Amino acid sequence: MGKLSAEEGAFLVRLARRAVEEYLERAVIIDPPSDTPRSLLEKSGVFVTIERIVVNPVTRQARRELRGCIGYPEPLFPLAEATIRSAIAAATEDPRFPPVTPRELDEVVFEVSVLTKPEPVQYADYRELLDKVKVGRDGLLVEYGLARGLLLPQVPVEEGWDVEKFLSYSCLKAGLPEDFWRTGRLKVYTFQAQIFVEVTPRGDVTERLLEVPL
């Protein structure tokens, strides 16, 4: 799949929001609408992130608080369908949080990350692995046996991690020791993401560039 336009990205974000609204308010799982761009009918990995906007009553500064994030690393479904599935799951099935409620929909923003296919990283030792992963470009999918963990490219940027911490937290996400990436036994895949996000709840949609802070 090629790079999406700003209009296609905005379509996906609004589709994610509409999917959640229809599911929470009417228990309906929508289909991709008839005006879905053809490019969004191609199979692609995607993650939907839902964040609540919290305003400090004293400073009036706003921060984003995660409310759910779920998706598909691999291109299993057409992108529009995968976005609908991921959005509903992020709102209702993320085990870290209670389900999003209808009254929260005016307080949250939706972010859609369209993923490239994960590519295996070939490395001889952990030093070479460190050289092959780049914060601000790559997301990580790590595997060992049945253990599996994924972190999107924006996570280490938001957290201020270097490559070592990025790998360590990816291992922890998979339920592995944080230094397991040093053993040489970890399967590591990198992927990239094109990220589109609501600026404000129900507001304009912009493409998020990781070198530019929110």
Protein backbone atom coordinates (compact mmCIF):
# COMPACT_ATOMS: atom_id res chain seq x y z
CA MET A 1 0.00 0.00 0.00
CA GLY A 2 1.27 3.45 -0.90
CA LYS A 3 1.24 6.56 1.24
CA LEU A 4 -2.23 7.85 2.07
CA SER A 5 -3.38 11.39 1.33
CA ALA A 6 -4.54 13.77 4.05
CA GLU A 7 -8.11 13.24 2.87
CA GLU A 8 -7.82 9.45 3.10
CA GLY A 9 -6.32 9.73 6.58
CA ALA A 10 -9.12 12.00 7.73
CA PHE A 11 -11.65 9.54 6.29
CA LEU A 12 -10.15 6.73 8.41
CA VAL A 13 -10.14 8.75 11.63
CA ARG A 14 -13.75 9.80 11.15
CA LEU A 15 -14.65 6.21 10.27
CA ALA A 16 -13.05 5.03 13.52
CA ARG A 17 -15.06 7.54 15.54
CA ARG A 18 -18.31 6.72 13.75
CA ALA A 19 -17.73 2.98 14.27
CA VAL A 20 -17.40 3.49 18.03
CA GLU A 21 -20.38 5.85 18.22
CA GLU A 22 -22.66 3.43 16.38
CA TYR A 23 -21.46 0.49 18.46
CA LEU A 24 -21.81 2.22 21.84
CA GLU A 25 -25.10 3.94 21.12
CA ARG A 26 -26.89 1.33 18.98
CA ALA A 27 -24.84 -1.89 19.31
CA VAL A 28 -24.29 -1.81 15.54
CA ILE A 29 -21.07 -2.84 13.79
CA ILE A 30 -21.00 -0.68 10.69
CA ASP A 31 -19.71 -1.69 7.27
CA PRO A 32 -17.31 0.48 5.30
CA PRO A 33 -19.49 3.14 3.64
CA SER A 34 -20.12 3.22 -0.08
CA ASP A 35 -17.91 6.30 -0.52
CA THR A 36 -14.83 4.60 0.94
CA PRO A 37 -11.80 5.42 -1.24
CA ARG A 38 -10.52 2.41 -3.18
CA SER A 39 -7.11 2.68 -1.53
CA LEU A 40 -8.73 2.00 1.85
CA LEU A 41 -10.10 -1.31 0.59
CA GLU A 42 -6.58 -2.73 0.29
CA LYS A 43 -5.38 -4.96 3.12
CA SER A 44 -3.20 -3.26 5.71
CA GLY A 45 -2.20 -3.43 9.35
CA VAL A 46 -3.67 -0.68 11.51
CA PHE A 47 -3.97 0.40 15.13
CA VAL A 48 -6.57 2.73 16.62
CA THR A 49 -5.67 4.73 19.71
CA ILE A 50 -8.25 6.56 21.82
CA GLU A 51 -7.06 9.26 24.22
CA ARG A 52 -9.00 11.44 26.63
CA ILE A 53 -8.18 15.14 26.75
CA VAL A 54 -7.65 16.15 30.40
CA VAL A 55 -7.35 19.85 31.26
CA ASN A 56 -5.57 20.97 34.43
CA PRO A 57 -8.06 23.27 36.21
CA VAL A 58 -5.29 25.52 37.52
CA THR A 59 -2.88 25.85 34.59
CA ARG A 60 -5.51 25.13 31.89
CA GLN A 61 -2.91 22.97 30.18
CA ALA A 62 -4.24 19.92 28.35
CA ARG A 63 -2.71 16.47 28.36
CA ARG A 64 -3.69 13.22 26.68
CA GLU A 65 -4.60 10.16 28.73
CA LEU A 66 -4.74 6.76 27.03
CA ARG A 67 -8.20 5.13 26.99
CA GLY A 68 -7.55 2.25 24.61
CA CYS A 69 -5.29 1.01 21.83
CA ILE A 70 -5.84 -2.14 19.78
CA GLY A 71 -5.19 -3.18 16.20
CA TYR A 72 -3.77 -5.60 13.69
CA PRO A 73 0.00 -5.71 13.05
CA GLU A 74 -0.39 -7.71 9.85
CA PRO A 75 -2.47 -6.92 6.75
CA LEU A 76 -5.29 -9.37 7.46
CA PHE A 77 -8.29 -7.25 6.44
CA PRO A 78 -9.09 -4.37 4.10
CA LEU A 79 -7.91 -1.18 5.80
CA ALA A 80 -11.36 0.36 6.27
CA GLU A 81 -12.74 -2.86 7.80
CA ALA A 82 -9.66 -3.29 10.00
CA THR A 83 -10.08 0.29 11.22
CA ILE A 84 -13.69 -0.35 12.19
CA ARG A 85 -12.78 -3.57 14.03
CA SER A 86 -9.81 -1.95 15.78
CA ALA A 87 -11.74 1.14 16.85
CA ILE A 88 -14.52 -0.86 18.47
CA ALA A 89 -12.01 -3.15 20.18
CA ALA A 90 -9.94 -0.19 21.44
CA ALA A 91 -13.07 1.32 22.95
CA THR A 92 -14.49 -1.83 24.51
CA GLU A 93 -11.90 -4.62 24.79
CA ASP A 94 -8.58 -3.14 25.93
CA PRO A 95 -7.99 -5.07 29.19
CA ARG A 96 -6.09 -2.16 30.73
CA PHE A 97 -9.13 0.12 30.87
CA PRO A 98 -12.88 0.07 31.45
CA PRO A 99 -14.91 0.41 28.25
CA VAL A 100 -15.36 3.88 26.81
CA THR A 101 -18.83 5.25 27.55
CA PRO A 102 -21.02 7.27 25.16
CA ARG A 103 -20.71 10.36 27.35
CA GLU A 104 -16.91 10.27 26.91
CA LEU A 105 -17.07 10.61 23.14
CA ASP A 106 -16.96 14.41 23.32
CA GLU A 107 -13.84 14.21 25.50
CA VAL A 108 -11.65 11.81 23.49
CA VAL A 109 -9.61 12.03 20.32
CA PHE A 110 -9.08 9.21 17.84
CA GLU A 111 -5.72 8.37 16.28
CA VAL A 112 -5.26 5.89 13.42
CA SER A 113 -1.84 4.40 12.67
CA VAL A 114 -1.62 2.70 9.27
CA LEU A 115 1.21 0.17 9.38
CA THR A 116 3.65 -1.18 6.87
CA LYS A 117 4.10 -4.94 6.93
CA PRO A 118 6.46 -5.96 9.77
CA GLU A 119 9.87 -6.93 8.42
CA PRO A 120 12.26 -9.26 10.30
CA VAL A 121 15.49 -7.77 11.57
CA GLN A 122 18.53 -9.94 10.89
CA TYR A 123 21.19 -9.41 13.55
CA ALA A 124 24.24 -11.28 14.81
CA ASP A 125 24.24 -9.86 18.34
CA TYR A 126 22.50 -7.22 20.42
CA ARG A 127 24.96 -4.52 19.38
CA GLU A 128 23.98 -4.97 15.76
CA LEU A 129 20.33 -4.97 16.80
CA LEU A 130 20.79 -1.58 18.43
CA ASP A 131 22.15 -0.20 15.16
CA LYS A 132 19.19 -1.48 13.14
CA VAL A 133 16.37 0.05 15.18
CA LYS A 134 15.68 3.79 14.96
CA VAL A 135 13.49 5.71 17.39
CA GLY A 136 11.17 8.07 15.53
CA ARG A 137 10.99 5.80 12.51
CA ASP A 138 10.34 2.23 13.63
CA GLY A 139 7.69 0.41 15.57
CA LEU A 140 8.67 -2.90 17.14
CA LEU A 141 7.07 -6.33 17.15
CA VAL A 142 8.99 -8.88 19.22
CA GLU A 143 8.42 -12.62 19.56
CA TYR A 144 9.82 -15.55 21.49
CA GLY A 145 7.84 -18.78 21.45
CA LEU A 146 4.24 -17.81 22.18
CA ALA A 147 5.25 -14.49 23.74
CA ARG A 148 4.56 -11.45 21.59
CA GLY A 149 4.67 -7.71 22.16
CA LEU A 150 4.19 -4.63 20.00
CA LEU A 151 4.89 -0.95 20.47
CA LEU A 152 3.95 1.68 17.89
CA PRO A 153 6.59 4.11 16.56
CA GLN A 154 5.10 7.03 18.49
CA VAL A 155 5.50 5.36 21.89
CA PRO A 156 9.28 5.79 22.38
CA VAL A 157 9.04 9.35 21.05
CA GLU A 158 6.31 10.23 23.56
CA GLU A 159 8.18 8.54 26.42
CA GLY A 160 11.62 9.90 25.53
CA TRP A 161 13.19 6.44 25.25
CA ASP A 162 16.42 5.55 23.52
CA VAL A 163 16.74 2.33 21.49
CA GLU A 164 17.73 0.23 24.52
CA LYS A 165 14.66 1.29 26.49
CA PHE A 166 12.48 0.79 23.42
CA LEU A 167 13.68 -2.81 23.11
CA SER A 168 13.39 -3.38 26.87
CA TYR A 169 9.79 -2.17 27.05
CA SER A 170 8.92 -4.22 23.96
CA CYS A 171 10.16 -7.30 25.81
CA LEU A 172 8.13 -6.37 28.89
CA LYS A 173 5.06 -5.90 26.70
CA ALA A 174 5.57 -9.50 25.55
CA GLY A 175 5.87 -10.72 29.14
CA LEU A 176 9.60 -11.37 28.79
CA PRO A 177 12.49 -10.14 30.95
CA GLU A 178 13.36 -6.59 29.98
CA ASP A 179 16.91 -7.51 28.94
CA PHE A 180 15.85 -10.52 26.83
CA TRP A 181 16.74 -8.61 23.66
CA ARG A 182 20.40 -9.01 24.63
CA THR A 183 20.26 -12.83 24.42
CA GLY A 184 20.10 -13.07 20.62
CA ARG A 185 17.07 -15.38 20.87
CA LEU A 186 14.43 -12.72 20.32
CA LYS A 187 12.69 -12.39 16.96
CA VAL A 188 12.47 -8.70 16.16
CA TYR A 189 10.37 -7.08 13.44
CA THR A 190 10.27 -3.40 12.55
CA PHE A 191 7.49 -1.51 10.83
CA GLN A 192 6.62 2.08 10.08
CA ALA A 193 3.35 3.95 10.48
CA GLN A 194 1.51 6.81 8.86
CA ILE A 195 -0.38 8.45 11.71
CA PHE A 196 -3.55 10.55 11.52
CA VAL A 197 -5.11 12.13 14.60
CA GLU A 198 -7.95 14.43 15.65
CA VAL A 199 -6.57 17.75 16.90
CA THR A 200 -9.56 18.11 19.22
CA PRO A 201 -12.56 15.83 19.89
CA ARG A 202 -14.64 15.71 16.68
CA GLY A 203 -12.28 18.35 15.26
CA ASP A 204 -9.89 18.62 12.35
CA VAL A 205 -7.65 15.68 11.47
CA THR A 206 -3.94 16.12 10.86
CA GLU A 207 -1.11 13.81 9.91
CA ARG A 208 1.19 13.37 12.86
CA LEU A 209 4.91 13.65 12.19
CA LEU A 210 6.92 12.12 15.01
CA GLU A 211 9.59 14.82 15.05
CA VAL A 212 6.87 17.42 15.75
CA PRO A 213 5.47 17.33 19.34
CA LEU A 214 1.71 17.19 19.87
